Structure formats: structure tokens, C-alpha cells
Amino acid sequence: MSEACRHLQDIHTRGANGDGCEECLKTGDSWVHLRVCMVCGHVGCCDDSKNQHASRHFRATGHPIMRSKEPGETWGWCYVDQLFYDPI
């Protein structure tokens, strides 16, 4: 990790609010992969999913840091600085 962003200080949680994409579960949609907001724990679907709820959550809230919710994955992403971290 050669670069760091100031948004790492915004991490407040590593826990997820649920086991699936919160919005897709409400509408009966499916997803490809899940992402967890590290500010509030919101679980959203990835950009390969048709609804892209994780990115929509970032645009709506400004919460900059997310991590993968996929088993065995330890990476995260800062939307603002477009920086990848593994592990986050």
C-alpha cells in the first residue's frame, strides 16, 4: 500500500447490516457480489450487478469506503480517491 487516503479515518464499522443487498431484497432482485459500507454497514450489490446499489449508496450518502462481503476476500475500495486496499 504505497498511497493512503484521508477517508480511512471514516471507517466506523466492519460489520454488515445483513446477509444480502438491502435494496435488492426489498424488490426481489438478485445480485452478483456484495459490498459493505465501512461507515454505516449498509450492504449493497456490486457494479457488476444490474442495480449497483453499493455505488448508489456512496453517491447518495458520500460514505467513501467499502469492502467486499465475499467469503475469503479482504479488499476494500475508496470511491473518492479510487484507491484499492488489500487488506483493508
C-alpha atoms as a PDB file:
ATOM      1  CA  MET A   1       0.000   0.000   0.000  1.00  0.00           C
ATOM      2  CA  SER A   2       2.010   2.953  -1.232  1.00  0.00           C
ATOM      3  CA  GLU A   3      -0.771   5.522  -1.129  1.00  0.00           C
ATOM      4  CA  ALA A   4      -3.224   6.300   1.629  1.00  0.00           C
ATOM      5  CA  CYS A   5      -6.336   8.381   1.577  1.00  0.00           C
ATOM      6  CA  ARG A   6      -7.760  10.586   4.277  1.00  0.00           C
ATOM      7  CA  HIS A   7     -11.015   8.615   4.151  1.00  0.00           C
ATOM      8  CA  LEU A   8      -9.608   5.652   6.067  1.00  0.00           C
ATOM      9  CA  GLN A   9     -10.370   7.696   9.186  1.00  0.00           C
ATOM     10  CA  ASP A  10     -14.076   7.461   8.242  1.00  0.00           C
ATOM     11  CA  ILE A  11     -14.165   3.710   8.934  1.00  0.00           C
ATOM     12  CA  HIS A  12     -16.587   3.121  11.785  1.00  0.00           C
ATOM     13  CA  THR A  13     -17.606  -0.494  11.246  1.00  0.00           C
ATOM     14  CA  ARG A  14     -16.532  -3.703   9.597  1.00  0.00           C
ATOM     15  CA  GLY A  15     -19.887  -5.303  10.356  1.00  0.00           C
ATOM     16  CA  ALA A  16     -22.649  -5.700   7.822  1.00  0.00           C
ATOM     17  CA  ASN A  17     -26.303  -4.797   8.388  1.00  0.00           C
ATOM     18  CA  GLY A  18     -27.455  -8.019   6.716  1.00  0.00           C
ATOM     19  CA  ASP A  19     -26.664 -11.019   4.567  1.00  0.00           C
ATOM     20  CA  GLY A  20     -27.808  -9.620   1.221  1.00  0.00           C
ATOM     21  CA  CYS A  21     -28.207  -6.397  -0.732  1.00  0.00           C
ATOM     22  CA  GLU A  22     -30.690  -4.382   1.311  1.00  0.00           C
ATOM     23  CA  GLU A  23     -32.473  -2.828  -1.693  1.00  0.00           C
ATOM     24  CA  CYS A  24     -32.475  -5.991  -3.847  1.00  0.00           C
ATOM     25  CA  LEU A  25     -34.004  -7.994  -1.008  1.00  0.00           C
ATOM     26  CA  LYS A  26     -36.850  -5.447  -0.795  1.00  0.00           C
ATOM     27  CA  THR A  27     -37.582  -5.630  -4.548  1.00  0.00           C
ATOM     28  CA  GLY A  28     -36.892  -9.336  -5.094  1.00  0.00           C
ATOM     29  CA  ASP A  29     -33.908  -8.652  -7.361  1.00  0.00           C
ATOM     30  CA  SER A  30     -30.686 -10.641  -7.440  1.00  0.00           C
ATOM     31  CA  TRP A  31     -27.040  -9.577  -7.280  1.00  0.00           C
ATOM     32  CA  VAL A  32     -23.611 -10.801  -8.378  1.00  0.00           C
ATOM     33  CA  HIS A  33     -21.409  -9.818  -5.393  1.00  0.00           C
ATOM     34  CA  LEU A  34     -21.929  -7.881  -2.174  1.00  0.00           C
ATOM     35  CA  ARG A  35     -20.151  -4.833  -0.756  1.00  0.00           C
ATOM     36  CA  VAL A  36     -20.293  -3.398   2.780  1.00  0.00           C
ATOM     37  CA  CYS A  37     -20.095   0.302   3.583  1.00  0.00           C
ATOM     38  CA  MET A  38     -17.430   0.685   6.254  1.00  0.00           C
ATOM     39  CA  VAL A  39     -19.038   3.857   7.572  1.00  0.00           C
ATOM     40  CA  CYS A  40     -22.543   2.565   8.329  1.00  0.00           C
ATOM     41  CA  GLY A  41     -22.634  -1.167   7.484  1.00  0.00           C
ATOM     42  CA  HIS A  42     -25.038  -0.863   4.530  1.00  0.00           C
ATOM     43  CA  VAL A  43     -24.895  -3.943   2.295  1.00  0.00           C
ATOM     44  CA  GLY A  44     -25.248  -3.258  -1.418  1.00  0.00           C
ATOM     45  CA  CYS A  45     -24.668  -5.099  -4.661  1.00  0.00           C
ATOM     46  CA  CYS A  46     -21.524  -4.579  -6.752  1.00  0.00           C
ATOM     47  CA  ASP A  47     -21.158  -2.705 -10.038  1.00  0.00           C
ATOM     48  CA  ASP A  48     -21.398  -5.994 -11.966  1.00  0.00           C
ATOM     49  CA  SER A  49     -24.937  -6.340 -10.593  1.00  0.00           C
ATOM     50  CA  LYS A  50     -27.685  -4.638 -12.579  1.00  0.00           C
ATOM     51  CA  ASN A  51     -28.710  -2.268  -9.758  1.00  0.00           C
ATOM     52  CA  GLN A  52     -25.242  -1.282  -8.476  1.00  0.00           C
ATOM     53  CA  HIS A  53     -26.617  -0.429  -5.034  1.00  0.00           C
ATOM     54  CA  ALA A  54     -23.202  -0.139  -3.332  1.00  0.00           C
ATOM     55  CA  SER A  55     -22.160   2.660  -5.703  1.00  0.00           C
ATOM     56  CA  ARG A  56     -25.608   4.240  -5.437  1.00  0.00           C
ATOM     57  CA  HIS A  57     -25.205   4.224  -1.644  1.00  0.00           C
ATOM     58  CA  PHE A  58     -21.894   6.080  -1.990  1.00  0.00           C
ATOM     59  CA  ARG A  59     -23.417   8.696  -4.310  1.00  0.00           C
ATOM     60  CA  ALA A  60     -26.416   9.198  -2.011  1.00  0.00           C
ATOM     61  CA  THR A  61     -24.522   9.345   1.289  1.00  0.00           C
ATOM     62  CA  GLY A  62     -20.940  10.274   0.441  1.00  0.00           C
ATOM     63  CA  HIS A  63     -19.711   7.337   2.538  1.00  0.00           C
ATOM     64  CA  PRO A  64     -16.334   6.784   0.839  1.00  0.00           C
ATOM     65  CA  ILE A  65     -15.024   3.397   1.994  1.00  0.00           C
ATOM     66  CA  MET A  66     -16.428  -0.064   1.262  1.00  0.00           C
ATOM     67  CA  ARG A  67     -15.178  -3.628   1.486  1.00  0.00           C
ATOM     68  CA  SER A  68     -16.044  -6.872  -0.208  1.00  0.00           C
ATOM     69  CA  LYS A  69     -18.524  -9.096   1.625  1.00  0.00           C
ATOM     70  CA  GLU A  70     -17.484 -12.150  -0.377  1.00  0.00           C
ATOM     71  CA  PRO A  71     -16.072 -15.076   1.646  1.00  0.00           C
ATOM     72  CA  GLY A  72     -12.276 -15.088   1.718  1.00  0.00           C
ATOM     73  CA  GLU A  73     -11.911 -11.602   0.212  1.00  0.00           C
ATOM     74  CA  THR A  74     -10.144  -8.952   2.294  1.00  0.00           C
ATOM     75  CA  TRP A  75     -10.047  -5.991  -0.092  1.00  0.00           C
ATOM     76  CA  GLY A  76     -11.649  -2.586   0.121  1.00  0.00           C
ATOM     77  CA  TRP A  77     -12.078   0.493  -2.043  1.00  0.00           C
ATOM     78  CA  CYS A  78     -12.201   4.247  -1.564  1.00  0.00           C
ATOM     79  CA  TYR A  79     -14.710   5.668  -4.050  1.00  0.00           C
ATOM     80  CA  VAL A  80     -13.433   9.234  -3.672  1.00  0.00           C
ATOM     81  CA  ASP A  81      -9.706   8.617  -4.167  1.00  0.00           C
ATOM     82  CA  GLN A  82     -10.240   5.485  -6.292  1.00  0.00           C
ATOM     83  CA  LEU A  83      -7.735   3.547  -4.206  1.00  0.00           C
ATOM     84  CA  PHE A  84      -7.750  -0.226  -3.702  1.00  0.00           C
ATOM     85  CA  TYR A  85      -6.647  -1.764  -0.401  1.00  0.00           C
ATOM     86  CA  ASP A  86      -5.910  -5.426   0.289  1.00  0.00           C
ATOM     87  CA  PRO A  87      -6.335  -5.993   3.090  1.00  0.00           C
ATOM     88  CA  ILE A  88      -8.471  -3.090   4.175  1.00  0.00           C
END
